[in-house]
Amino acid sequence: MAARTRPGARTSTCCIPGVARSALRLSQAQLAHRREEGEDLRATRAVDHTLFFRDEAGRRAFLEEVSDLRARVRTYELDDGDTPFGVDLTCDQAIVESVVEPYVVGLAQRAALYGGDYDGWGALVVDGQSASH
């Protein structure tokens, strides 16, 4: 998706294009909070990456562009807003920076090419003993 980083390396936002910068900052804040709470970020879990598009054609073109991800895809439409065409891409992955941040940056940049916005990611909490919301 994006440039490879060494495991455990944090992606600097100084060199990230504007379309991905805010998504990356939100991701880093979520990871910091989860780390403070003692979550096992290395555990593989289903991670939902959510994106919204201005039109169905843009969403369709984006999905063709990212078809190599082997993600589970769910599409839906919202009744309001400027970007009503939603998509959730679900990938089984750890949420350490070196895994999740290239997805955030890559998806945000690719979505922007087709009139889309990366809305963020979400995943179950894994504490090493159990999984819950």
N, C-alpha and C. Protein backbone atom coordinates (compact mmCIF):
# COMPACT_ATOMS: atom_id res chain seq x y z
N MET A 1 0.83 -1.18 0.00
CA MET A 1 0.00 0.00 0.00
C MET A 1 0.88 1.25 0.00
N ALA A 2 1.61 1.44 1.04
CA ALA A 2 2.47 2.61 1.14
C ALA A 2 3.90 2.11 1.32
N ALA A 3 4.80 3.05 1.47
CA ALA A 3 6.21 2.67 1.66
C ALA A 3 6.34 1.78 2.88
N ARG A 4 7.19 0.76 2.77
CA ARG A 4 7.39 -0.16 3.89
C ARG A 4 8.20 0.52 4.99
N THR A 5 7.82 0.19 6.21
CA THR A 5 8.58 0.69 7.36
C THR A 5 9.08 -0.51 8.14
N ARG A 6 10.11 -0.31 8.95
CA ARG A 6 10.60 -1.41 9.75
C ARG A 6 9.62 -1.67 10.88
N PRO A 7 9.49 -2.93 11.33
CA PRO A 7 8.56 -3.27 12.40
C PRO A 7 8.78 -2.38 13.62
N GLY A 8 7.69 -1.88 14.17
CA GLY A 8 7.76 -1.03 15.35
C GLY A 8 8.02 0.43 15.05
N ALA A 9 8.34 0.76 13.79
CA ALA A 9 8.61 2.15 13.43
C ALA A 9 7.30 2.92 13.33
N ARG A 10 7.31 4.13 13.78
CA ARG A 10 6.13 4.98 13.70
C ARG A 10 6.24 5.85 12.47
N THR A 11 5.14 5.96 11.74
CA THR A 11 5.12 6.76 10.54
C THR A 11 5.05 8.23 10.92
N SER A 12 5.95 9.03 10.42
CA SER A 12 5.94 10.45 10.69
C SER A 12 4.90 11.11 9.82
N THR A 13 4.12 12.03 10.39
CA THR A 13 3.10 12.71 9.61
C THR A 13 3.66 13.88 8.82
N CYS A 14 4.93 14.22 9.00
CA CYS A 14 5.49 15.38 8.32
C CYS A 14 5.57 15.20 6.81
N CYS A 15 5.69 13.98 6.34
CA CYS A 15 5.85 13.73 4.91
C CYS A 15 4.62 13.11 4.27
N ILE A 16 3.53 13.01 5.00
CA ILE A 16 2.31 12.37 4.51
C ILE A 16 1.43 13.44 3.85
N PRO A 17 0.93 13.16 2.64
CA PRO A 17 0.04 14.13 1.98
C PRO A 17 -1.19 14.43 2.84
N GLY A 18 -1.73 15.61 2.67
CA GLY A 18 -2.85 16.09 3.48
C GLY A 18 -4.04 15.16 3.55
N VAL A 19 -4.36 14.44 2.46
CA VAL A 19 -5.53 13.57 2.48
C VAL A 19 -5.40 12.45 3.49
N ALA A 20 -4.19 12.07 3.83
CA ALA A 20 -3.97 10.97 4.77
C ALA A 20 -3.54 11.45 6.15
N ARG A 21 -3.11 12.68 6.27
CA ARG A 21 -2.53 13.17 7.52
C ARG A 21 -3.50 13.08 8.70
N SER A 22 -4.73 13.58 8.54
CA SER A 22 -5.67 13.55 9.67
C SER A 22 -6.07 12.12 10.02
N ALA A 23 -6.24 11.26 9.01
CA ALA A 23 -6.58 9.86 9.29
C ALA A 23 -5.44 9.18 10.04
N LEU A 24 -4.22 9.48 9.67
CA LEU A 24 -3.07 8.89 10.34
C LEU A 24 -2.96 9.39 11.78
N ARG A 25 -3.21 10.65 12.01
CA ARG A 25 -3.17 11.18 13.38
C ARG A 25 -4.23 10.52 14.26
N LEU A 26 -5.45 10.35 13.71
CA LEU A 26 -6.51 9.68 14.48
C LEU A 26 -6.13 8.24 14.78
N SER A 27 -5.53 7.56 13.81
CA SER A 27 -5.08 6.19 14.01
C SER A 27 -4.03 6.13 15.11
N GLN A 28 -3.07 7.04 15.08
CA GLN A 28 -2.02 7.05 16.10
C GLN A 28 -2.59 7.33 17.48
N ALA A 29 -3.60 8.20 17.57
CA ALA A 29 -4.23 8.48 18.86
C ALA A 29 -4.96 7.24 19.37
N GLN A 30 -5.66 6.53 18.47
CA GLN A 30 -6.36 5.32 18.88
C GLN A 30 -5.37 4.25 19.36
N LEU A 31 -4.27 4.10 18.63
CA LEU A 31 -3.25 3.12 19.03
C LEU A 31 -2.64 3.48 20.39
N ALA A 32 -2.37 4.76 20.61
CA ALA A 32 -1.81 5.19 21.90
C ALA A 32 -2.77 4.88 23.04
N HIS A 33 -4.05 5.16 22.83
CA HIS A 33 -5.06 4.88 23.86
C HIS A 33 -5.14 3.38 24.14
N ARG A 34 -5.18 2.59 23.09
CA ARG A 34 -5.26 1.13 23.26
C ARG A 34 -4.02 0.61 23.97
N ARG A 35 -2.86 1.15 23.64
CA ARG A 35 -1.62 0.73 24.30
C ARG A 35 -1.66 1.09 25.79
N GLU A 36 -2.12 2.30 26.12
CA GLU A 36 -2.23 2.73 27.51
C GLU A 36 -3.17 1.84 28.31
N GLU A 37 -4.20 1.32 27.64
CA GLU A 37 -5.17 0.45 28.29
C GLU A 37 -4.66 -0.98 28.43
N GLY A 38 -3.46 -1.26 27.90
CA GLY A 38 -2.86 -2.57 28.05
C GLY A 38 -3.27 -3.58 27.00
N GLU A 39 -3.82 -3.11 25.90
CA GLU A 39 -4.28 -4.02 24.85
C GLU A 39 -3.09 -4.67 24.14
N ASP A 40 -3.29 -5.91 23.71
CA ASP A 40 -2.29 -6.63 22.92
C ASP A 40 -2.46 -6.22 21.46
N LEU A 41 -1.69 -5.23 21.00
CA LEU A 41 -1.81 -4.72 19.63
C LEU A 41 -1.27 -5.69 18.60
N ARG A 42 -0.47 -6.66 19.03
CA ARG A 42 0.11 -7.64 18.10
C ARG A 42 -0.84 -8.75 17.73
N ALA A 43 -1.92 -8.90 18.47
CA ALA A 43 -2.89 -9.97 18.19
C ALA A 43 -3.63 -9.68 16.89
N THR A 44 -3.74 -10.69 16.06
CA THR A 44 -4.49 -10.56 14.82
C THR A 44 -5.98 -10.55 15.13
N ARG A 45 -6.67 -9.63 14.48
CA ARG A 45 -8.12 -9.52 14.65
C ARG A 45 -8.71 -8.90 13.39
N ALA A 46 -10.03 -8.94 13.25
CA ALA A 46 -10.71 -8.30 12.13
C ALA A 46 -10.67 -6.79 12.33
N VAL A 47 -10.12 -6.08 11.36
CA VAL A 47 -10.04 -4.62 11.41
C VAL A 47 -10.88 -4.07 10.27
N ASP A 48 -11.86 -3.24 10.62
CA ASP A 48 -12.74 -2.62 9.62
C ASP A 48 -12.21 -1.24 9.26
N HIS A 49 -11.88 -1.05 7.99
CA HIS A 49 -11.48 0.25 7.46
C HIS A 49 -12.69 0.81 6.73
N THR A 50 -13.15 2.00 7.14
CA THR A 50 -14.38 2.58 6.60
C THR A 50 -14.06 3.77 5.71
N LEU A 51 -14.71 3.79 4.55
CA LEU A 51 -14.51 4.87 3.57
C LEU A 51 -15.87 5.29 3.01
N PHE A 52 -15.96 6.54 2.57
CA PHE A 52 -17.19 7.06 1.97
C PHE A 52 -16.84 7.77 0.67
N PHE A 53 -17.75 7.64 -0.31
CA PHE A 53 -17.54 8.20 -1.65
C PHE A 53 -18.71 9.07 -2.08
N ARG A 54 -18.41 10.02 -2.96
CA ARG A 54 -19.43 10.95 -3.45
C ARG A 54 -20.42 10.28 -4.39
N ASP A 55 -19.95 9.27 -5.14
CA ASP A 55 -20.84 8.59 -6.08
C ASP A 55 -20.47 7.12 -6.19
N GLU A 56 -21.41 6.37 -6.72
CA GLU A 56 -21.22 4.92 -6.83
C GLU A 56 -20.09 4.57 -7.78
N ALA A 57 -19.92 5.35 -8.85
CA ALA A 57 -18.85 5.08 -9.81
C ALA A 57 -17.48 5.21 -9.15
N GLY A 58 -17.30 6.22 -8.30
CA GLY A 58 -16.04 6.39 -7.58
C GLY A 58 -15.77 5.24 -6.64
N ARG A 59 -16.81 4.81 -5.93
CA ARG A 59 -16.66 3.67 -5.01
C ARG A 59 -16.28 2.41 -5.79
N ARG A 60 -16.95 2.18 -6.90
CA ARG A 60 -16.68 1.00 -7.72
C ARG A 60 -15.24 1.01 -8.24
N ALA A 61 -14.79 2.16 -8.74
CA ALA A 61 -13.41 2.28 -9.25
C ALA A 61 -12.40 2.06 -8.13
N PHE A 62 -12.68 2.59 -6.95
CA PHE A 62 -11.80 2.39 -5.80
C PHE A 62 -11.70 0.90 -5.46
N LEU A 63 -12.84 0.22 -5.43
CA LEU A 63 -12.84 -1.20 -5.08
C LEU A 63 -12.06 -2.03 -6.09
N GLU A 64 -12.12 -1.66 -7.35
CA GLU A 64 -11.31 -2.33 -8.36
C GLU A 64 -9.82 -2.09 -8.09
N GLU A 65 -9.49 -0.87 -7.70
CA GLU A 65 -8.10 -0.50 -7.41
C GLU A 65 -7.51 -1.29 -6.24
N VAL A 66 -8.33 -1.60 -5.24
CA VAL A 66 -7.82 -2.27 -4.04
C VAL A 66 -8.19 -3.75 -3.98
N SER A 67 -8.60 -4.32 -5.08
CA SER A 67 -9.04 -5.72 -5.09
C SER A 67 -7.95 -6.69 -4.69
N ASP A 68 -6.70 -6.29 -4.76
CA ASP A 68 -5.57 -7.15 -4.39
C ASP A 68 -5.39 -7.29 -2.87
N LEU A 69 -6.15 -6.58 -2.07
CA LEU A 69 -5.98 -6.60 -0.62
C LEU A 69 -6.49 -7.87 0.04
N ARG A 70 -7.32 -8.62 -0.62
CA ARG A 70 -7.95 -9.81 -0.02
C ARG A 70 -8.76 -9.43 1.21
N ALA A 71 -9.42 -8.31 1.15
CA ALA A 71 -10.28 -7.86 2.25
C ALA A 71 -11.72 -8.29 1.99
N ARG A 72 -12.45 -8.47 3.06
CA ARG A 72 -13.89 -8.68 2.93
C ARG A 72 -14.52 -7.31 2.71
N VAL A 73 -15.45 -7.22 1.78
CA VAL A 73 -16.02 -5.93 1.37
C VAL A 73 -17.50 -5.89 1.71
N ARG A 74 -17.93 -4.78 2.32
CA ARG A 74 -19.35 -4.51 2.55
C ARG A 74 -19.62 -3.12 2.04
N THR A 75 -20.59 -3.00 1.15
CA THR A 75 -20.98 -1.68 0.64
C THR A 75 -22.38 -1.34 1.14
N TYR A 76 -22.64 -0.04 1.25
CA TYR A 76 -23.94 0.43 1.73
C TYR A 76 -24.11 1.89 1.32
N GLU A 77 -25.35 2.37 1.42
CA GLU A 77 -25.64 3.76 1.09
C GLU A 77 -26.27 4.44 2.30
N LEU A 78 -25.90 5.69 2.51
CA LEU A 78 -26.49 6.52 3.56
C LEU A 78 -27.51 7.46 2.92
N ASP A 79 -28.45 7.92 3.70
CA ASP A 79 -29.51 8.79 3.16
C ASP A 79 -29.11 10.26 3.06
N ASP A 80 -28.01 10.66 3.67
CA ASP A 80 -27.66 12.08 3.66
C ASP A 80 -26.15 12.26 3.54
N GLY A 81 -25.74 13.51 3.44
CA GLY A 81 -24.32 13.84 3.39
C GLY A 81 -23.78 13.93 1.97
N ASP A 82 -22.56 14.46 1.87
CA ASP A 82 -21.90 14.63 0.57
C ASP A 82 -21.26 13.36 0.06
N THR A 83 -21.03 12.39 0.96
CA THR A 83 -20.38 11.14 0.57
C THR A 83 -21.23 9.96 1.06
N PRO A 84 -22.35 9.69 0.39
CA PRO A 84 -23.29 8.68 0.89
C PRO A 84 -22.95 7.22 0.55
N PHE A 85 -21.94 6.99 -0.28
CA PHE A 85 -21.64 5.63 -0.73
C PHE A 85 -20.53 5.03 0.12
N GLY A 86 -20.92 4.22 1.09
CA GLY A 86 -19.97 3.68 2.05
C GLY A 86 -19.41 2.34 1.66
N VAL A 87 -18.25 2.06 2.21
CA VAL A 87 -17.62 0.75 2.06
C VAL A 87 -16.81 0.44 3.32
N ASP A 88 -16.95 -0.78 3.79
CA ASP A 88 -16.11 -1.28 4.87
C ASP A 88 -15.23 -2.37 4.28
N LEU A 89 -13.93 -2.23 4.46
CA LEU A 89 -12.97 -3.25 4.07
C LEU A 89 -12.48 -3.90 5.35
N THR A 90 -12.71 -5.19 5.50
CA THR A 90 -12.31 -5.89 6.72
C THR A 90 -11.12 -6.78 6.42
N CYS A 91 -10.03 -6.52 7.12
CA CYS A 91 -8.78 -7.27 6.96
C CYS A 91 -8.43 -7.91 8.29
N ASP A 92 -7.92 -9.11 8.26
CA ASP A 92 -7.42 -9.75 9.48
C ASP A 92 -5.97 -9.32 9.64
N GLN A 93 -5.72 -8.53 10.69
CA GLN A 93 -4.39 -7.97 10.88
C GLN A 93 -4.17 -7.57 12.33
N ALA A 94 -2.92 -7.42 12.67
CA ALA A 94 -2.55 -6.81 13.95
C ALA A 94 -2.74 -5.31 13.80
N ILE A 95 -2.77 -4.60 14.90
CA ILE A 95 -2.93 -3.15 14.80
C ILE A 95 -1.70 -2.40 15.29
N VAL A 96 -0.54 -3.02 15.19
CA VAL A 96 0.70 -2.30 15.45
C VAL A 96 0.92 -1.30 14.32
N GLU A 97 1.66 -0.24 14.61
CA GLU A 97 1.86 0.83 13.64
C GLU A 97 2.36 0.33 12.29
N SER A 98 3.32 -0.59 12.31
CA SER A 98 3.94 -1.04 11.06
C SER A 98 2.97 -1.82 10.17
N VAL A 99 1.85 -2.25 10.71
CA VAL A 99 0.85 -2.96 9.92
C VAL A 99 -0.31 -2.04 9.56
N VAL A 100 -0.89 -1.36 10.53
CA VAL A 100 -2.12 -0.60 10.27
C VAL A 100 -1.86 0.73 9.57
N GLU A 101 -0.76 1.40 9.88
CA GLU A 101 -0.53 2.72 9.29
C GLU A 101 -0.35 2.70 7.77
N PRO A 102 0.35 1.72 7.19
CA PRO A 102 0.40 1.69 5.72
C PRO A 102 -0.99 1.52 5.09
N TYR A 103 -1.88 0.79 5.76
CA TYR A 103 -3.25 0.68 5.27
C TYR A 103 -3.96 2.03 5.32
N VAL A 104 -3.83 2.72 6.44
CA VAL A 104 -4.49 4.03 6.60
C VAL A 104 -4.05 4.99 5.50
N VAL A 105 -2.75 5.13 5.33
CA VAL A 105 -2.20 6.06 4.34
C VAL A 105 -2.58 5.62 2.93
N GLY A 106 -2.37 4.35 2.62
CA GLY A 106 -2.66 3.86 1.28
C GLY A 106 -4.12 3.95 0.90
N LEU A 107 -5.01 3.57 1.83
CA LEU A 107 -6.44 3.65 1.55
C LEU A 107 -6.90 5.09 1.42
N ALA A 108 -6.42 5.98 2.28
CA ALA A 108 -6.80 7.39 2.21
C ALA A 108 -6.37 8.00 0.88
N GLN A 109 -5.15 7.71 0.47
CA GLN A 109 -4.66 8.27 -0.80
C GLN A 109 -5.42 7.71 -1.99
N ARG A 110 -5.67 6.40 -2.00
CA ARG A 110 -6.40 5.80 -3.11
C ARG A 110 -7.85 6.28 -3.15
N ALA A 111 -8.49 6.40 -1.99
CA ALA A 111 -9.88 6.87 -1.94
C ALA A 111 -9.99 8.28 -2.52
N ALA A 112 -9.04 9.14 -2.18
CA ALA A 112 -9.07 10.53 -2.66
C ALA A 112 -9.04 10.60 -4.19
N LEU A 113 -8.38 9.64 -4.82
CA LEU A 113 -8.33 9.62 -6.29
C LEU A 113 -9.70 9.42 -6.91
N TYR A 114 -10.62 8.86 -6.17
CA TYR A 114 -11.96 8.54 -6.68
C TYR A 114 -13.07 9.29 -5.95
N GLY A 115 -12.73 10.42 -5.35
CA GLY A 115 -13.74 11.24 -4.67
C GLY A 115 -14.16 10.69 -3.34
N GLY A 116 -13.29 9.92 -2.69
CA GLY A 116 -13.63 9.30 -1.42
C GLY A 116 -12.85 9.84 -0.26
N ASP A 117 -13.33 9.53 0.93
CA ASP A 117 -12.69 9.92 2.18
C ASP A 117 -12.51 8.69 3.06
N TYR A 118 -11.33 8.56 3.65
CA TYR A 118 -11.08 7.51 4.62
C TYR A 118 -11.62 7.99 5.95
N ASP A 119 -12.53 7.22 6.55
CA ASP A 119 -13.20 7.64 7.78
C ASP A 119 -12.53 7.09 9.03
N GLY A 120 -11.73 6.03 8.91
CA GLY A 120 -11.06 5.48 10.07
C GLY A 120 -11.19 3.97 10.12
N TRP A 121 -10.63 3.41 11.20
CA TRP A 121 -10.70 1.97 11.38
C TRP A 121 -11.18 1.65 12.79
N GLY A 122 -11.69 0.45 12.92
CA GLY A 122 -12.15 -0.03 14.21
C GLY A 122 -11.90 -1.52 14.32
N ALA A 123 -11.76 -2.00 15.55
CA ALA A 123 -11.50 -3.41 15.79
C ALA A 123 -11.85 -3.76 17.22
N LEU A 124 -12.10 -5.04 17.44
CA LEU A 124 -12.34 -5.51 18.79
C LEU A 124 -11.10 -5.30 19.65
N VAL A 125 -11.33 -5.12 20.93
CA VAL A 125 -10.24 -5.01 21.90
C VAL A 125 -9.77 -6.42 22.23
N VAL A 126 -8.46 -6.65 22.20
CA VAL A 126 -7.89 -7.95 22.54
C VAL A 126 -6.89 -7.74 23.68
N ASP A 127 -7.20 -8.32 24.83
CA ASP A 127 -6.33 -8.15 25.98
C ASP A 127 -5.45 -9.36 26.26
N GLY A 128 -5.44 -10.31 25.34
CA GLY A 128 -4.64 -11.51 25.53
C GLY A 128 -5.43 -12.65 26.13
N GLN A 129 -6.52 -12.35 26.84
CA GLN A 129 -7.36 -13.39 27.45
C GLN A 129 -8.70 -13.52 26.76
N SER A 130 -9.27 -12.36 26.31
CA SER A 130 -10.60 -12.38 25.70
C SER A 130 -10.72 -11.23 24.72
N ALA A 131 -11.76 -11.23 23.93
CA ALA A 131 -12.05 -10.15 22.98
C ALA A 131 -13.41 -9.58 23.32
N SER A 132 -13.50 -8.24 23.34
CA SER A 132 -14.78 -7.57 23.59
C SER A 132 -14.77 -6.23 22.92
N HIS A 133 -15.92 -5.58 22.89
CA HIS A 133 -16.01 -4.23 22.28
C HIS A 133 -15.42 -3.20 23.19
